[in-house]
Amino acid sequence: MKSSAPEATDPLEGQEHGDDAHSLRLSSLAKDTEELLDKFPGKSKKQLIAAIASYSGPLAHPSFVKGYEEILPGAAERILTMAEAEGKHRREQESKVIHCEVRCKTTGLWLGFAIGMLAIAGSCAVAIFASPLAGTTLGIGSIASLAGVFVYGSKKSAK
């Protein structure tokens, strides 16, 4: 006996899909869902097929842009202009961050150099004017602590 209900068709048939996309068919539904559908009389059954698509990028999917253009003429150009402005802003921000990082690292190196020279000059002054043993101890301690900071800092940044 032939049913008067229209045949189920795949709404995604004839459309191109990515390799990981699967066409949705009633037969591929989970067993629990099929059992639930079987409880309804033949004429009141409705086929529901949901397709979920994900799209990521700086622009909306072309089909959405086309839809926006149909609703509001000129919307496609506005969307492209907005994406271009956002991309330009993002590149400017990244450039500023990189410039700031380079400047901070360079400033840190120069300040470290100045502190090291000041510590060595101080230890030399103590060795000359006060006690050679105290000056030597102070100089070795200063150089060791600076070397420790550089070694510890390089190991920490390598992680």
Protein backbone atom coordinates (compact mmCIF):
# COMPACT_ATOMS: atom_id res chain seq x y z
CA MET A 1 0.00 0.00 0.00
CA LYS A 2 1.42 3.34 -1.01
CA SER A 3 1.43 6.20 1.46
CA SER A 4 0.02 9.56 0.45
CA ALA A 5 2.78 11.37 2.39
CA PRO A 6 5.45 12.96 0.23
CA GLU A 7 8.71 11.07 -0.04
CA ALA A 8 11.48 12.17 2.27
CA THR A 9 14.19 13.99 0.42
CA ASP A 10 17.57 15.13 1.55
CA PRO A 11 17.46 18.96 1.78
CA LEU A 12 21.21 19.09 1.32
CA GLU A 13 21.14 16.99 -1.84
CA GLY A 14 22.95 18.56 -4.76
CA GLN A 15 24.88 20.99 -2.56
CA GLU A 16 28.63 20.80 -2.10
CA HIS A 17 29.82 19.84 1.37
CA GLY A 18 33.21 19.65 3.07
CA ASP A 19 34.84 16.24 3.49
CA ASP A 20 33.83 16.08 7.14
CA ALA A 21 30.20 17.03 6.52
CA HIS A 22 27.61 14.26 6.38
CA SER A 23 24.32 14.32 4.54
CA LEU A 24 21.42 14.01 6.91
CA ARG A 25 18.89 11.22 6.30
CA LEU A 26 16.02 9.89 8.39
CA SER A 27 17.59 6.43 8.42
CA SER A 28 20.69 7.80 10.17
CA LEU A 29 18.74 9.02 13.18
CA ALA A 30 19.46 7.39 16.51
CA LYS A 31 17.41 4.29 17.37
CA ASP A 32 15.59 6.10 20.21
CA THR A 33 14.50 8.85 17.86
CA GLU A 34 13.20 6.34 15.31
CA GLU A 35 11.21 4.56 18.02
CA LEU A 36 9.71 7.88 19.09
CA LEU A 37 8.72 8.71 15.50
CA ASP A 38 7.11 5.27 15.09
CA LYS A 39 4.65 6.12 17.90
CA PHE A 40 2.98 8.79 15.73
CA PRO A 41 0.32 7.89 13.16
CA GLY A 42 1.45 7.89 9.51
CA LYS A 43 -0.27 11.12 8.41
CA SER A 44 0.87 13.19 11.38
CA LYS A 45 4.53 12.25 11.04
CA LYS A 46 6.72 15.07 10.00
CA GLN A 47 10.28 14.78 9.00
CA LEU A 48 12.63 17.21 10.70
CA ILE A 49 16.12 17.49 9.42
CA ALA A 50 18.47 19.98 11.03
CA ALA A 51 21.77 20.94 9.55
CA ILE A 52 24.31 22.78 11.60
CA ALA A 53 27.10 24.56 9.79
CA SER A 54 30.00 26.40 11.29
CA TYR A 55 31.90 29.13 9.54
CA SER A 56 34.78 31.11 10.95
CA GLY A 57 36.61 34.00 9.43
CA PRO A 58 36.85 37.76 9.23
CA LEU A 59 33.89 37.91 6.86
CA ALA A 60 30.44 36.42 6.94
CA HIS A 61 29.77 33.43 4.73
CA PRO A 62 29.11 34.56 1.13
CA SER A 63 25.55 33.25 1.22
CA PHE A 64 24.84 35.41 4.27
CA VAL A 65 26.40 38.45 2.61
CA LYS A 66 24.21 37.81 -0.43
CA GLY A 67 21.18 37.66 1.85
CA TYR A 68 22.14 40.94 3.54
CA GLU A 69 22.58 42.53 0.10
CA GLU A 70 19.09 41.39 -0.93
CA ILE A 71 17.58 42.84 2.24
CA LEU A 72 19.56 46.07 2.21
CA PRO A 73 21.28 47.12 -1.03
CA GLY A 74 24.84 48.23 -0.33
CA ALA A 75 25.14 46.02 2.76
CA ALA A 76 27.75 43.76 1.13
CA GLU A 77 30.08 46.70 0.51
CA ARG A 78 29.52 47.94 4.06
CA ILE A 79 30.37 44.49 5.43
CA LEU A 80 33.56 44.34 3.36
CA THR A 81 34.54 47.86 4.42
CA MET A 82 33.94 46.94 8.06
CA ALA A 83 36.10 43.80 7.71
CA GLU A 84 38.88 45.78 6.04
CA ALA A 85 38.81 48.43 8.78
CA GLU A 86 38.85 45.75 11.50
CA GLY A 87 41.81 44.01 9.83
CA LYS A 88 43.71 47.30 9.55
CA HIS A 89 43.00 48.11 13.22
CA ARG A 90 44.13 44.63 14.33
CA ARG A 91 47.41 44.92 12.38
CA GLU A 92 48.06 48.39 13.85
CA GLN A 93 47.45 47.07 17.37
CA GLU A 94 49.78 44.12 16.80
CA SER A 95 52.44 46.48 15.47
CA LYS A 96 52.11 48.67 18.56
CA VAL A 97 52.39 45.67 20.88
CA ILE A 98 55.51 44.39 19.10
CA HIS A 99 57.10 47.86 19.18
CA CYS A 100 56.33 48.19 22.90
CA GLU A 101 57.77 44.75 23.70
CA VAL A 102 61.00 45.54 21.84
CA ARG A 103 61.27 48.92 23.57
CA CYS A 104 60.64 47.39 27.02
CA LYS A 105 63.25 44.67 26.49
CA THR A 106 65.82 47.16 25.21
CA THR A 107 65.16 49.50 28.13
CA GLY A 108 65.49 46.59 30.55
CA LEU A 109 68.84 45.59 29.08
CA TRP A 110 70.19 49.13 29.30
CA LEU A 111 68.99 49.52 32.89
CA GLY A 112 70.52 46.14 33.79
CA PHE A 113 73.79 47.26 32.23
CA ALA A 114 73.71 50.55 34.17
CA ILE A 115 73.00 48.77 37.47
CA GLY A 116 75.83 46.28 36.79
CA MET A 117 78.29 49.06 36.02
CA LEU A 118 77.20 50.98 39.11
CA ALA A 119 77.67 47.87 41.27
CA ILE A 120 81.14 47.21 39.85
CA ALA A 121 82.13 50.88 40.22
CA GLY A 122 80.87 50.83 43.82
CA SER A 123 82.79 47.66 44.63
CA CYS A 124 85.95 49.18 43.08
CA ALA A 125 85.47 52.33 45.19
CA VAL A 126 85.05 50.22 48.35
CA ALA A 127 88.15 48.19 47.43
CA ILE A 128 90.24 51.34 46.84
CA PHE A 129 89.04 53.56 49.69
CA ALA A 130 87.99 51.11 52.39
CA SER A 131 88.90 47.43 52.31
CA PRO A 132 90.14 45.39 49.36
CA LEU A 133 88.51 42.26 50.80
CA ALA A 134 85.12 43.99 51.22
CA GLY A 135 85.34 45.49 47.70
CA THR A 136 86.22 42.13 46.16
CA THR A 137 83.40 40.41 48.03
CA LEU A 138 80.95 43.12 46.97
CA GLY A 139 82.13 42.93 43.32
CA ILE A 140 81.88 39.12 43.17
CA GLY A 141 78.45 39.21 44.82
CA SER A 142 77.20 41.86 42.37
CA ILE A 143 78.44 39.99 39.31
CA ALA A 144 77.11 36.66 40.62
CA SER A 145 73.68 38.11 41.31
CA LEU A 146 73.50 39.71 37.84
CA ALA A 147 74.61 36.46 36.21
CA GLY A 148 72.02 34.58 38.24
CA VAL A 149 69.29 36.93 37.06
CA PHE A 150 70.29 36.46 33.41
CA VAL A 151 70.57 32.66 33.73
CA TYR A 152 67.30 32.33 35.67
CA GLY A 153 65.54 34.72 33.29
CA SER A 154 66.71 32.83 30.19
CA LYS A 155 65.57 29.49 31.66
CA LYS A 156 62.19 30.97 32.62
CA SER A 157 61.61 32.47 29.16
CA ALA A 158 62.62 29.20 27.46
CA LYS A 159 59.70 27.33 29.08
